[in-house]
Each structure stands twice: as structure tokens, then as C-alpha cells.
Amino acid sequence: MPSIVTTNRPLSVGDIIGRAFRIFRINLKLIAQVLLFPTILLCAGRIGFIIGLTHLSKSAADIAALPTWGLVALAGGLLLLIGGFVLYLRLIALVRVFTGFAPDYIEANKYAKTRLGSLIGLTLAAFAATILVMLMFAVAIGISVALFAGKGVFLVAGVFGLTISICSGFLTLLFVSVVGHMSLSGIAIEKDDLGTLISHALALSSRSFFRSILFYFLTTSAVALLAYPLSLPLIIILVGHSVSQGIATGTHHSATELPIYMQIVSQVWEQLVSMIVTPISFTCFGLYYCDLRMRQEGLDLIERVQVMQAENNSELELQ
């Protein structure tokens, strides 16, 4: 039975992040059991993809070997895709449990499996939105840079336009990321269709725009602070290997090339670190989603009314 840290009142941004870390700590065993299988899939996919690409680049002259290593790389890529969706579905199930919308992981996992279509749709929508935003602001930046060729007013307009384009583009990309994370939380918590979920996430985030951006920054920073010491041993190993190879060969070129076994170790280590930090990030946004609903829609009051209605129905049935 998972342990959750529930609350019936809105929290500050710092309290939400702290609560997510606490939930992670007291449910570490459950999280490890749930995420082990997709982590193994992702590790195998990364290894296959790296081995395939490495041998493809080294065997360019060997035509007979190209199909074999191409299939290895393709199989690795497919494993990455499958492992990624399995991982996200299980993270959705964990968020549903940790936010109190499922009594246990088994029921939450059954629910999450029914949301695969929404998850695929959200992935495509987020990708399309990101590309669209980047194209729009690339055009704006290009026009602003073109104004630099002029003088006086045109130069001032170019500098102003470039500054506005870069700042607004950066904020817009951040906001798209926030809405994407909030939509994922919506998939975990709500049973609505994807369009309704995205619209709801957009409305919640827009009404608390600056708070949502601040929350994104603080959550990302907190997760990065945890990931850095976990990644430090790998960084030391890679730097030590590069230095030793550089000293042994006396060339900078060899020092920057990693053998395939080191690349595999690096990929596996990174995936293990991701298995630790990703659930915290998902839980943070799940709790933040509930917090915004509490602040803006009275989610806590709605839940109390539903509980009272259920109790009244039970009493009527007994009578």
C-alpha cells in the first residue's frame, strides 16, 4: 500500500516541492519496483542504438555489415520508444496514487493503460507546439536582425525587436513545457478527453502564469541539484578516462573519443539517475495541478461534497 502525504489546503511552491520529495522518500521501494522494467527496456534500447550507430560509422566501407548494424540500431530505437511509453504510463499511475485519486498502484496502473492514446496524442501535440513556437520566433528574430542593416530608427527597432523576440520566445517555450507537464498530470488525474485536458491545463496555468513559471524553475532546479551528485561519479570516471587516454597517447583527439563500453556505462548510469529524479518531477507537477485546482476551482470543496453524497447514499441504502 503506497504512503501519500495528503493535504486539504493550498500550499506554497516550496511546500509542494518538499512534499513531493517526501512522498518519493517514503515510497522509494514501490517506485523502484514499478520503474525497474521500463528502465531496463530503455537501457537495452540505448545500448542497442549506440552499438548499431557506432558500427555503422566504422563499417561504412563494409557494405555487407551495414544491414545488420542498421537493424541493431533500429531495434534499439524501437526499444527506446516502447520503454519510453511504458515508463510514462507507470509514472502516470504513480502520480494518480500519490495525489490520492487511486487507492493503490494496481488500480492506478489499470487506469493508466487506458490512457495510452491520450499520452501519444499529447506527445505529438507538445512536439508540434514546440516546433510552431520555435518557427514563429525564428521568423521574428530574422526580421529583427534584418533591421540591423539600416540606421537610426531601423537599428533601434531591430535591437528592440530582437530583445523582445528572444525574451518572449524563451518564456513561451517555458510555458508550453509547463502546460505539457500539467496536461500529463491531467491525464493521471482526470478522465476527460485529450482536448479538454489540454484546454483545462492551459486555463489553470494561464491564470497563474508567473507562479507556474516560478514553479517550473524551482522544480527543475531542485531535481537538477539532486541529479548532479548522482551523476558526479560518472563525470569523474569519464574525465579520468579522457585524461588518462590523452596522457597515454599524447594527442587531444584520442582523449575526446570514448570507447563503446564507456558509452554504454554512461547511458546506463544516466538512465538510472533518470529513474530516481523523474518520479519526483512528475509528483511535483501532479501536486501543483491539484493545488491550482484547489485555488481556482475549489477542488477540496468538491471532494468534500462528493464524500458527503457517498455517505448519504450509503445511509439511504441501509435504511
Protein backbone atom coordinates (compact mmCIF):
# COMPACT_ATOMS: atom_id res chain seq x y z
CA MET A 1 0.00 0.00 0.00
CA PRO A 2 1.59 3.32 -1.01
CA SER A 3 2.06 6.10 1.51
CA ILE A 4 0.79 9.52 0.44
CA VAL A 5 1.10 12.92 2.06
CA THR A 6 -2.31 14.47 1.51
CA THR A 7 -3.49 17.98 2.24
CA ASN A 8 -6.84 19.74 2.09
CA ARG A 9 -5.46 23.24 1.70
CA PRO A 10 -3.41 25.13 -0.91
CA LEU A 11 0.36 25.07 -0.43
CA SER A 12 3.24 27.34 -1.31
CA VAL A 13 5.53 26.38 -4.19
CA GLY A 14 8.27 25.34 -1.78
CA ASP A 15 5.87 23.19 0.26
CA ILE A 16 4.70 21.39 -2.88
CA ILE A 17 8.26 20.51 -3.91
CA GLY A 18 9.14 19.44 -0.37
CA ARG A 19 6.04 17.26 -0.21
CA ALA A 20 6.98 15.59 -3.50
CA PHE A 21 10.44 14.75 -2.16
CA ARG A 22 8.89 13.34 1.00
CA ILE A 23 6.46 11.18 -1.00
CA PHE A 24 9.39 9.90 -3.05
CA ARG A 25 11.39 9.05 0.05
CA ILE A 26 8.68 7.08 1.83
CA ASN A 27 7.65 5.24 -1.36
CA LEU A 28 11.14 4.54 -2.69
CA LYS A 29 10.67 0.75 -2.70
CA LEU A 30 7.40 0.96 -4.66
CA ILE A 31 8.87 3.42 -7.17
CA ALA A 32 11.93 1.22 -7.74
CA GLN A 33 9.77 -1.87 -8.31
CA VAL A 34 7.43 -0.05 -10.69
CA LEU A 35 10.10 1.67 -12.79
CA LEU A 36 12.65 -1.15 -12.95
CA PHE A 37 11.18 -2.85 -16.05
CA PRO A 38 10.88 0.28 -18.26
CA THR A 39 14.34 1.35 -17.09
CA ILE A 40 15.76 -1.99 -18.26
CA LEU A 41 13.98 -1.54 -21.60
CA LEU A 42 15.41 1.96 -22.01
CA CYS A 43 18.91 0.82 -21.06
CA ALA A 44 18.75 -2.04 -23.58
CA GLY A 45 17.43 0.36 -26.21
CA ARG A 46 20.20 2.88 -25.60
CA ILE A 47 22.86 0.17 -25.73
CA GLY A 48 21.48 -1.30 -28.97
CA PHE A 49 21.14 2.13 -30.56
CA ILE A 50 24.71 3.14 -29.61
CA ILE A 51 26.25 -0.15 -30.74
CA GLY A 52 24.37 -0.01 -34.04
CA LEU A 53 25.32 3.59 -34.81
CA THR A 54 28.93 3.08 -33.73
CA HIS A 55 29.42 0.08 -36.02
CA LEU A 56 27.55 1.78 -38.86
CA SER A 57 30.00 4.70 -38.73
CA LYS A 58 33.01 2.37 -38.51
CA SER A 59 31.78 -0.10 -41.14
CA ALA A 60 30.84 2.38 -43.84
CA ALA A 61 33.14 0.59 -46.28
CA ASP A 62 31.76 -2.86 -45.38
CA ILE A 63 28.50 -2.95 -47.34
CA ALA A 64 27.60 -6.46 -46.13
CA ALA A 65 27.65 -5.43 -42.47
CA LEU A 66 25.52 -2.30 -42.87
CA PRO A 67 22.08 -4.05 -42.80
CA THR A 68 22.98 -5.95 -39.63
CA TRP A 69 24.09 -2.93 -37.65
CA GLY A 70 21.23 -0.91 -39.13
CA LEU A 71 18.78 -3.47 -37.72
CA VAL A 72 20.54 -3.34 -34.34
CA ALA A 73 20.19 0.45 -34.27
CA LEU A 74 16.55 0.19 -35.37
CA ALA A 75 15.79 -2.40 -32.69
CA GLY A 76 17.42 -0.12 -30.11
CA GLY A 77 15.31 2.80 -31.29
CA LEU A 78 12.11 0.73 -31.06
CA LEU A 79 13.02 -0.38 -27.54
CA LEU A 80 13.58 3.27 -26.61
CA LEU A 81 10.13 4.18 -27.95
CA ILE A 82 8.36 1.29 -26.23
CA GLY A 83 10.29 1.77 -22.99
CA GLY A 84 9.53 5.48 -23.01
CA PHE A 85 5.77 4.95 -23.26
CA VAL A 86 5.81 2.17 -20.64
CA LEU A 87 7.79 4.46 -18.32
CA TYR A 88 5.38 7.38 -18.79
CA LEU A 89 2.31 5.19 -18.25
CA ARG A 90 3.77 3.91 -14.99
CA LEU A 91 4.69 7.42 -13.91
CA ILE A 92 1.10 8.48 -14.64
CA ALA A 93 -0.09 5.62 -12.42
CA LEU A 94 2.25 6.71 -9.62
CA VAL A 95 1.03 10.31 -9.85
CA ARG A 96 -2.57 9.09 -9.62
CA VAL A 97 -1.75 7.16 -6.46
CA PHE A 98 0.34 9.90 -4.85
CA THR A 99 -2.33 12.54 -5.42
CA GLY A 100 -4.95 10.31 -3.78
CA PHE A 101 -7.07 9.54 -6.86
CA ALA A 102 -6.47 5.78 -6.65
CA PRO A 103 -6.38 3.54 -3.55
CA ASP A 104 -3.39 1.51 -4.74
CA TYR A 105 -0.95 1.15 -7.61
CA ILE A 106 -2.70 -1.85 -9.17
CA GLU A 107 -5.90 0.11 -9.77
CA ALA A 108 -3.93 3.18 -10.89
CA ASN A 109 -1.96 1.09 -13.39
CA LYS A 110 -5.17 -0.33 -14.88
CA TYR A 111 -6.42 3.21 -15.33
CA ALA A 112 -3.11 4.40 -16.83
CA LYS A 113 -3.18 1.69 -19.50
CA THR A 114 -6.46 3.12 -20.80
CA ARG A 115 -4.73 6.50 -21.32
CA LEU A 116 -2.12 5.36 -23.85
CA GLY A 117 -3.94 7.08 -26.71
CA SER A 118 -4.07 10.36 -24.78
CA LEU A 119 -0.37 10.05 -23.95
CA ILE A 120 0.57 9.52 -27.62
CA GLY A 121 -1.66 12.42 -28.66
CA LEU A 122 -0.14 14.71 -26.03
CA THR A 123 3.38 13.76 -27.15
CA LEU A 124 2.57 14.71 -30.75
CA ALA A 125 0.76 17.89 -29.69
CA ALA A 126 3.67 19.02 -27.48
CA PHE A 127 6.15 18.35 -30.30
CA ALA A 128 4.03 20.27 -32.81
CA ALA A 129 3.52 23.20 -30.41
CA THR A 130 7.25 23.42 -29.68
CA ILE A 131 8.17 23.40 -33.38
CA LEU A 132 5.49 26.01 -34.16
CA VAL A 133 6.69 28.34 -31.39
CA MET A 134 10.32 27.99 -32.49
CA LEU A 135 9.43 28.74 -36.11
CA MET A 136 7.37 31.80 -35.19
CA PHE A 137 10.09 33.33 -33.08
CA ALA A 138 12.81 32.36 -35.56
CA VAL A 139 10.95 34.45 -38.13
CA ALA A 140 10.62 37.33 -35.64
CA ILE A 141 14.35 37.15 -34.83
CA GLY A 142 15.22 37.03 -38.54
CA ILE A 143 13.19 40.17 -39.25
CA SER A 144 14.77 41.95 -36.27
CA VAL A 145 18.29 41.03 -37.42
CA ALA A 146 17.47 42.24 -40.94
CA LEU A 147 16.68 45.67 -39.49
CA PHE A 148 20.30 45.93 -38.27
CA ALA A 149 21.30 46.74 -41.85
CA GLY A 150 19.55 50.08 -41.52
CA LYS A 151 20.44 53.08 -39.44
CA GLY A 152 18.77 55.25 -36.83
CA VAL A 153 15.21 54.16 -36.18
CA PHE A 154 15.66 50.86 -38.02
CA LEU A 155 18.64 49.90 -35.86
CA VAL A 156 16.78 50.78 -32.66
CA ALA A 157 13.75 48.82 -33.87
CA GLY A 158 15.98 45.86 -34.68
CA VAL A 159 17.57 45.82 -31.21
CA PHE A 160 14.18 46.22 -29.54
CA GLY A 161 12.58 43.53 -31.70
CA LEU A 162 15.45 41.09 -31.13
CA THR A 163 15.28 41.57 -27.36
CA ILE A 164 11.51 41.13 -27.27
CA SER A 165 11.66 38.12 -29.60
CA ILE A 166 14.29 36.28 -27.55
CA CYS A 167 12.66 37.01 -24.17
CA SER A 168 9.10 36.25 -25.28
CA GLY A 169 10.23 33.16 -27.19
CA PHE A 170 12.02 31.81 -24.13
CA LEU A 171 9.00 32.46 -21.88
CA THR A 172 6.63 30.91 -24.42
CA LEU A 173 8.71 27.73 -24.68
CA LEU A 174 8.77 27.52 -20.88
CA PHE A 175 5.01 27.98 -20.75
CA VAL A 176 4.48 25.28 -23.41
CA SER A 177 6.57 22.95 -21.24
CA VAL A 178 4.52 23.86 -18.16
CA VAL A 179 1.24 23.20 -19.99
CA GLY A 180 2.64 19.89 -21.26
CA HIS A 181 3.53 18.78 -17.73
CA MET A 182 0.16 19.97 -16.43
CA SER A 183 -1.61 18.05 -19.20
CA LEU A 184 0.28 14.91 -18.19
CA SER A 185 -0.93 15.44 -14.64
CA GLY A 186 -4.43 15.90 -16.02
CA ILE A 187 -4.15 12.56 -17.81
CA ALA A 188 -3.18 10.96 -14.49
CA ILE A 189 -5.98 12.60 -12.50
CA GLU A 190 -8.90 13.38 -14.83
CA LYS A 191 -10.90 11.09 -17.12
CA ASP A 192 -11.65 13.73 -19.79
CA ASP A 193 -10.59 13.53 -23.43
CA LEU A 194 -7.24 14.97 -24.51
CA GLY A 195 -8.60 18.22 -25.94
CA THR A 196 -10.45 19.00 -22.72
CA LEU A 197 -7.38 18.15 -20.64
CA ILE A 198 -5.08 20.43 -22.64
CA SER A 199 -7.63 23.28 -22.51
CA HIS A 200 -8.02 22.80 -18.77
CA ALA A 201 -4.24 22.71 -18.20
CA LEU A 202 -3.85 25.83 -20.35
CA ALA A 203 -6.53 27.67 -18.38
CA LEU A 204 -5.09 26.68 -14.99
CA SER A 205 -1.56 27.66 -15.99
CA SER A 206 -2.60 30.92 -17.67
CA ARG A 207 -4.48 32.16 -14.61
CA SER A 208 -1.30 31.58 -12.56
CA PHE A 209 1.23 32.36 -15.30
CA PHE A 210 4.12 33.77 -13.28
CA ARG A 211 3.60 31.35 -10.39
CA SER A 212 3.66 28.46 -12.86
CA ILE A 213 6.89 29.71 -14.45
CA LEU A 214 8.42 30.11 -10.98
CA PHE A 215 7.27 26.62 -10.04
CA TYR A 216 8.83 25.20 -13.20
CA PHE A 217 12.16 26.89 -12.46
CA LEU A 218 12.23 25.79 -8.82
CA THR A 219 11.20 22.21 -9.61
CA THR A 220 13.79 21.93 -12.37
CA SER A 221 16.47 23.39 -10.09
CA ALA A 222 15.59 21.06 -7.21
CA VAL A 223 15.69 17.99 -9.47
CA ALA A 224 18.97 19.17 -11.05
CA LEU A 225 20.52 19.63 -7.60
CA LEU A 226 19.63 16.03 -6.82
CA ALA A 227 20.77 14.70 -10.20
CA TYR A 228 24.18 16.42 -10.09
CA PRO A 229 25.69 14.48 -7.14
CA LEU A 230 24.21 11.26 -8.54
CA SER A 231 25.91 11.96 -11.88
CA LEU A 232 29.19 13.09 -10.30
CA PRO A 233 30.80 9.60 -10.12
CA LEU A 234 30.15 9.13 -13.85
CA ILE A 235 31.60 12.56 -14.62
CA ILE A 236 34.74 11.69 -12.61
CA ILE A 237 35.10 8.36 -14.46
CA LEU A 238 34.68 9.98 -17.89
CA VAL A 239 37.08 12.83 -17.12
CA GLY A 240 39.62 10.40 -15.65
CA HIS A 241 39.40 8.17 -18.71
CA SER A 242 39.79 11.11 -21.09
CA VAL A 243 42.78 12.46 -19.18
CA SER A 244 44.48 9.05 -18.97
CA GLN A 245 43.95 8.43 -22.67
CA GLY A 246 45.26 11.88 -23.52
CA ILE A 247 48.38 11.33 -21.43
CA ALA A 248 48.94 7.85 -22.86
CA THR A 249 48.61 8.89 -26.49
CA GLY A 250 49.83 12.47 -26.23
CA THR A 251 47.00 13.64 -28.51
CA HIS A 252 43.88 15.57 -27.75
CA HIS A 253 41.92 13.69 -30.41
CA SER A 254 42.08 10.34 -28.65
CA ALA A 255 41.29 11.94 -25.32
CA THR A 256 37.92 13.08 -26.60
CA GLU A 257 36.88 9.71 -28.08
CA LEU A 258 35.11 7.29 -25.75
CA PRO A 259 35.28 3.52 -26.35
CA ILE A 260 31.96 1.80 -26.79
CA TYR A 261 31.97 0.22 -23.31
CA MET A 262 32.35 3.67 -21.74
CA GLN A 263 29.46 4.97 -23.82
CA ILE A 264 27.33 2.06 -22.62
CA VAL A 265 28.24 2.70 -18.97
CA SER A 266 27.42 6.37 -19.45
CA GLN A 267 24.00 5.66 -20.98
CA VAL A 268 23.04 3.10 -18.32
CA TRP A 269 24.14 5.41 -15.50
CA GLU A 270 22.17 8.32 -16.94
CA GLN A 271 19.06 6.14 -17.21
CA LEU A 272 19.40 5.01 -13.59
CA VAL A 273 19.69 8.63 -12.45
CA SER A 274 16.62 9.45 -14.52
CA MET A 275 14.73 6.63 -12.78
CA ILE A 276 15.37 8.45 -9.50
CA VAL A 277 14.71 12.08 -10.43
CA THR A 278 11.85 11.75 -12.96
CA PRO A 279 9.24 10.47 -10.45
CA ILE A 280 9.96 13.48 -8.24
CA SER A 281 9.35 15.89 -11.11
CA PHE A 282 6.10 14.12 -12.10
CA THR A 283 4.90 14.12 -8.49
CA CYS A 284 5.70 17.82 -8.16
CA PHE A 285 3.53 18.68 -11.14
CA GLY A 286 0.76 16.33 -10.01
CA LEU A 287 0.62 18.09 -6.65
CA TYR A 288 0.82 21.50 -8.33
CA TYR A 289 -2.08 20.57 -10.63
CA CYS A 290 -4.20 19.69 -7.59
CA ASP A 291 -3.07 22.88 -5.84
CA LEU A 292 -4.16 25.07 -8.76
CA ARG A 293 -7.50 23.29 -8.94
CA MET A 294 -7.91 23.86 -5.21
CA ARG A 295 -7.10 27.56 -5.53
CA GLN A 296 -9.09 28.25 -8.69
CA GLU A 297 -11.90 25.68 -8.68
CA GLY A 298 -12.33 24.64 -5.04
CA LEU A 299 -11.23 21.03 -5.62
CA ASP A 300 -11.13 20.38 -1.86
CA LEU A 301 -14.76 21.53 -1.51
CA ILE A 302 -15.84 19.40 -4.47
CA GLU A 303 -14.22 16.33 -2.89
CA ARG A 304 -15.92 17.01 0.46
CA VAL A 305 -19.32 17.28 -1.25
CA GLN A 306 -18.69 14.00 -3.08
CA VAL A 307 -17.75 12.28 0.19
CA MET A 308 -20.89 13.61 1.88
CA GLN A 309 -23.05 12.46 -1.05
CA ALA A 310 -21.48 8.99 -0.90
CA GLU A 311 -22.13 8.79 2.85
CA ASN A 312 -25.74 9.90 2.39
CA ASN A 313 -26.27 7.31 -0.35
CA SER A 314 -24.83 4.61 1.93
CA GLU A 315 -27.18 5.61 4.74
CA LEU A 316 -30.19 5.54 2.37
CA GLU A 317 -29.24 2.07 1.15
CA LEU A 318 -29.01 0.79 4.75
CA GLN A 319 -32.45 2.22 5.55
